[in-house]
Protein backbone atom coordinates (compact mmCIF):
# COMPACT_ATOMS: atom_id res chain seq x y z
CA MET A 1 164.38 1.46 -328.15
CA ALA A 2 163.27 1.35 -331.51
CA SER A 3 162.56 5.01 -333.34
CA TRP A 4 159.37 5.43 -334.81
CA SER A 5 161.42 4.99 -338.30
CA GLU A 6 162.97 1.46 -337.36
CA PHE A 7 159.14 0.64 -336.31
CA ALA A 8 157.92 1.67 -339.69
CA ALA A 9 160.60 -0.29 -341.61
CA ASP A 10 160.10 -3.19 -339.91
CA GLU A 11 155.89 -3.04 -340.15
CA PRO A 12 155.26 -0.99 -342.41
CA ASN A 13 151.69 -1.62 -342.56
CA LEU A 14 151.15 -1.64 -339.33
CA ALA A 15 152.91 1.64 -338.89
CA GLY A 16 151.22 2.98 -342.27
CA ALA A 17 147.90 2.23 -340.54
CA ILE A 18 148.48 3.64 -336.98
CA ARG A 19 150.36 6.90 -338.71
CA ALA A 20 146.70 7.11 -340.79
CA LEU A 21 144.63 7.03 -337.36
CA LEU A 22 147.37 9.59 -335.89
CA GLN A 23 146.92 11.56 -338.81
CA GLN A 24 142.81 11.27 -340.30
CA TYR A 25 142.01 14.80 -339.07
CA GLY A 26 145.01 16.45 -341.26
CA PRO A 27 147.15 17.48 -338.71
CA GLY A 28 148.38 14.92 -335.90
CA LEU A 29 145.43 14.68 -333.53
CA GLY A 30 146.42 12.36 -330.06
CA TYR A 31 145.92 11.94 -326.70
CA LEU A 32 149.30 11.89 -325.03
CA ALA A 33 149.44 9.95 -321.62
CA THR A 34 152.70 11.07 -319.54
CA VAL A 35 153.99 10.28 -315.75
CA ARG A 36 152.99 12.93 -312.79
CA ALA A 37 155.71 13.26 -309.93
CA ASP A 38 153.63 11.80 -308.25
CA GLY A 39 153.71 8.51 -310.38
CA GLY A 40 149.95 9.26 -311.32
CA PRO A 41 148.82 9.35 -315.07
CA ARG A 42 148.22 12.62 -316.95
CA VAL A 43 146.14 12.93 -320.17
CA HIS A 44 146.45 15.66 -323.07
CA PRO A 45 145.15 16.70 -326.39
CA VAL A 46 148.52 16.84 -328.41
CA SER A 47 149.34 17.03 -332.13
CA PRO A 48 152.14 14.27 -332.66
CA VAL A 49 154.18 14.42 -335.85
CA ILE A 50 155.18 11.79 -337.73
CA THR A 51 157.99 12.34 -340.50
CA ASP A 52 160.72 10.38 -342.37
CA GLU A 53 163.18 11.22 -339.81
CA GLY A 54 160.64 9.76 -336.80
CA LEU A 55 157.82 10.56 -334.36
CA PHE A 56 157.90 13.64 -332.78
CA CYS A 57 155.69 16.37 -330.90
CA PHE A 58 156.40 19.89 -330.12
CA VAL A 59 155.67 20.35 -326.01
CA VAL A 60 154.94 23.80 -325.16
CA ASP A 61 155.41 24.79 -321.50
CA SER A 62 153.15 22.88 -319.38
CA PRO A 63 152.59 19.99 -317.09
CA LYS A 64 153.12 17.28 -319.90
CA ARG A 65 156.71 18.88 -320.80
CA ARG A 66 157.64 19.21 -317.69
CA ASP A 67 156.82 15.01 -316.83
CA LEU A 68 158.34 14.32 -319.79
CA GLU A 69 161.67 15.95 -319.12
CA ARG A 70 161.77 14.55 -316.15
CA ASP A 71 160.38 11.11 -316.91
CA GLY A 72 159.89 10.13 -320.38
CA ARG A 73 157.48 7.68 -320.05
CA TYR A 74 154.64 7.97 -322.52
CA ALA A 75 151.54 6.87 -324.63
CA LEU A 76 149.79 8.26 -327.49
CA HIS A 77 146.48 6.77 -328.30
CA SER A 78 144.22 8.37 -331.86
CA PHE A 79 141.56 10.56 -331.58
CA PRO A 80 138.38 8.37 -332.13
CA PRO A 81 137.60 8.43 -335.96
CA GLU A 82 134.35 9.59 -336.47
CA GLU A 83 132.81 6.24 -338.53
CA SER A 84 134.42 3.61 -336.33
CA ASP A 85 135.98 2.53 -332.96
CA ASP A 86 139.29 2.03 -334.76
CA GLU A 87 142.28 3.27 -332.01
CA ALA A 88 146.19 3.03 -332.46
CA TYR A 89 148.64 3.23 -328.98
CA VAL A 90 152.16 3.90 -329.23
CA ALA A 91 154.19 3.93 -325.83
CA GLY A 92 158.51 4.07 -324.76
CA ARG A 93 160.01 7.02 -324.23
CA ALA A 94 160.38 10.48 -325.24
CA ARG A 95 163.82 11.91 -325.21
CA PRO A 96 164.33 15.97 -325.75
CA VAL A 97 165.79 16.32 -329.31
CA THR A 98 168.97 18.44 -328.79
CA ASP A 99 170.98 18.62 -332.29
CA ARG A 100 169.77 22.68 -333.68
CA ALA A 101 169.58 21.52 -337.48
CA ARG A 102 167.40 18.53 -336.49
CA ILE A 103 164.88 21.26 -334.40
CA GLU A 104 165.25 24.01 -336.99
CA ARG A 105 164.27 21.83 -339.78
CA LEU A 106 161.25 20.07 -338.50
CA ALA A 107 160.43 23.60 -336.79
CA SER A 108 160.91 24.74 -340.55
CA ASN A 109 159.25 22.02 -342.17
CA LEU A 110 156.60 21.85 -340.03
CA ARG A 111 155.91 26.16 -339.64
CA ALA A 112 156.64 25.84 -335.37
CA ALA A 113 155.87 29.59 -334.43
CA PRO A 114 159.11 30.95 -332.98
CA GLN A 115 158.12 33.20 -330.44
CA VAL A 116 155.89 30.52 -328.77
CA ASP A 117 157.92 28.79 -325.59
CA TRP A 118 157.98 24.87 -327.43
CA ARG A 119 160.25 22.02 -327.04
CA LEU A 120 161.04 19.54 -329.45
CA PHE A 121 160.35 15.70 -328.72
CA GLU A 122 161.38 12.37 -330.02
CA PHE A 123 159.28 9.70 -329.34
CA THR A 124 160.85 5.97 -329.26
CA VAL A 125 158.22 2.98 -329.82
CA ASP A 126 158.69 -0.23 -327.50
CA VAL A 127 154.43 -1.12 -328.33
CA ALA A 128 152.41 -0.12 -331.57
CA MET A 129 148.88 -1.38 -331.00
CA LEU A 130 146.17 -1.14 -334.30
CA ALA A 131 143.16 -2.21 -332.84
CA ARG A 132 140.36 -2.68 -336.34
CA HIS A 133 136.84 -3.17 -334.63
CA GLY A 134 134.21 -4.80 -336.26
CA SER A 135 132.31 -1.98 -337.68
CA ASN A 136 134.47 -1.23 -340.39
CA GLY A 137 134.74 -4.73 -342.12
CA ALA A 138 138.54 -6.05 -339.71
CA THR A 139 138.09 -10.27 -339.64
CA PRO A 140 137.33 -10.98 -336.04
CA LEU A 141 140.52 -13.04 -334.81
CA ALA A 142 138.94 -15.65 -333.01
CA GLY A 143 135.16 -17.35 -334.50
CA ASP A 144 132.69 -15.66 -335.63
CA ASP A 145 131.92 -13.37 -333.08
CA ALA A 146 131.98 -10.03 -334.92
CA ALA A 147 132.19 -8.18 -331.63
CA ARG A 148 135.62 -8.70 -330.64
CA PRO A 149 138.47 -6.36 -332.38
CA ALA A 150 141.30 -7.66 -334.95
CA VAL A 151 144.42 -5.98 -333.03
CA GLN A 152 147.97 -6.47 -334.00
CA VAL A 153 150.53 -5.86 -331.59
CA TRP A 154 153.99 -4.78 -331.79
CA LEU A 155 156.70 -5.17 -329.18
CA ASP A 156 160.58 -4.05 -329.56
CA PRO A 157 162.19 -7.43 -327.81
CA SER A 158 164.57 -4.82 -326.50
CA SER A 159 162.41 -2.66 -324.27
CA ALA A 160 160.95 -3.98 -321.09
CA ALA A 161 157.92 -4.25 -323.03
CA GLY A 162 159.05 -7.41 -324.47
CA SER A 163 158.57 -9.28 -321.59
CA VAL A 164 155.11 -8.72 -321.56
CA SER A 165 153.07 -12.10 -321.85
CA THR A 166 150.14 -12.60 -324.67
CA ARG A 167 147.88 -15.04 -322.11
CA GLY A 168 147.33 -17.25 -325.94
CA GLY A 169 148.30 -13.97 -328.70
CA VAL A 170 149.72 -15.66 -331.81
CA GLY A 171 152.98 -14.48 -332.16
CA SER A 172 155.83 -14.89 -334.82
CA ARG A 173 159.19 -13.07 -335.54
CA ARG A 174 160.42 -11.13 -337.88
CA ARG A 175 163.49 -9.37 -338.74
CA GLY A 176 163.97 -9.37 -335.46
CA ARG A 177 161.37 -7.62 -333.89
CA ARG A 178 158.28 -9.40 -332.73
CA ARG A 179 154.49 -8.71 -334.02
CA LEU A 180 151.81 -10.62 -332.63
CA LEU A 181 148.41 -11.02 -333.03
CA ALA A 182 146.22 -11.36 -330.25
CA GLU A 183 143.08 -10.54 -328.81
CA GLU A 184 141.66 -7.87 -327.21
CA GLU A 185 142.75 -9.34 -323.99
CA ALA A 186 145.98 -10.14 -324.89
CA LEU A 187 147.25 -6.82 -325.17
CA PRO A 188 149.61 -4.78 -322.94
CA ALA A 189 148.00 -2.83 -319.67
CA ALA A 190 148.11 0.80 -321.01
């Protein structure tokens, strides 16, 4: 499991583009998918926070927090931009932050209300994906079909996501991590 900082150091352009989509409206906005106790998915709007220290979310007492405390698997998807269908997706594990100094520093810097019953989680990155759809001038990956999105996928090989089949995607090794350029049908199941 890579931290956001490790992922960003490995793929700064991809991390920057994902961050821009998550923060396109100012504060971070995204849809957080968690795993319910019965194994089903649950989706919630959240305000993720990206700092030099990592990818975080302050989560109030709620079903999503109980999901993360019980089973840390998550997927985070950006809100759609107004001018395109571009999308960003990150998945991995959420871990409660227990270091009091770190919690206080982030809460102070991000003005998290002390009277609210929230808990700080750090999200690790197993998979990161960015899809640029043709409407914004992105170059499609295959042929002249402008309807196909240009997709970048980063997989952390130390995680279970590193074993996902690309079914024809083009891959390359970079600094110990695996970066894939693939067509839409080659994406891991969300």
